[in-house]
Each structure stands twice: as C-alpha cells, then as structure tokens.
C-alpha cells in the first residue's frame, strides 16, 4: 500500500508561483513512476505532468509545458510540482498519483496509476 499526501496549494495571483509537494509512504517509492493530475469543477481529471522512477524522464501536458516542472527526491519519498507563471485557468484541485511497484515509466493516462492523494486546491486569481 502507498499513501500520498499533497501540500502546498493555496491562493495566488496570476503570474505567481506555487510549489506542490507529495509525500509518499511505503518502501517502493523509488521504483514507481509518479504523476500530477488536476480537476476543475465540472470537468474530468486531466493529466498535468509525470516523472519516471529515476527522475530521468518527464512529460507534460501542452497547457503547462514551459511553466511547470516536475521533480522527485527518492531519498525523501517526495515528488514536487513547481508551477510558475500561473494563469486563472490553472485553478483546480491537484492530485498526486503513483504507479504500481516496478512500473517506473512515465504515463499520461489515469488508468495507469494505482494510488491517489486527497488533492490540494490551487486557486489563481486574475
């Protein structure tokens, strides 16, 4: 079992920055691909970013490419999402997700992830 706890959300003005963190429990964190997704009211949960188990490979949704950066610290069992140049359309609940053990590749689809955090709210005001 893996438990994921997100933090770092909040209210920020357009153009500002936030860094989200996702702390994981369990012994196999370093073998798992990780991802960030988001969900705005009335919409489906969408892919934001993903990182491989080693951290050597990343992938981003076109809407955040060049503004967001995903990273991980396997010693701390934590994955991060640095969000810069935030826009009002980035407003959503952001979820951290973990793939199954030894599934270390990046993935964009929700079905590829076995564990989810409770989410953290990000609100960007105009």
Foldseek 3Di string as FASTA:
>chain_A
DKAKAKDWADEEAAQAKIKMKIAMDDDQLLLKKKFKWWDDPPDDIFGAKIAFSPRPDMDGDPVQPPFWDWGDDVVRRMIMIIGGRDDQVVWTWMKMFIADGNHGDTDGDPVRTDDIYPTDTHGYHD
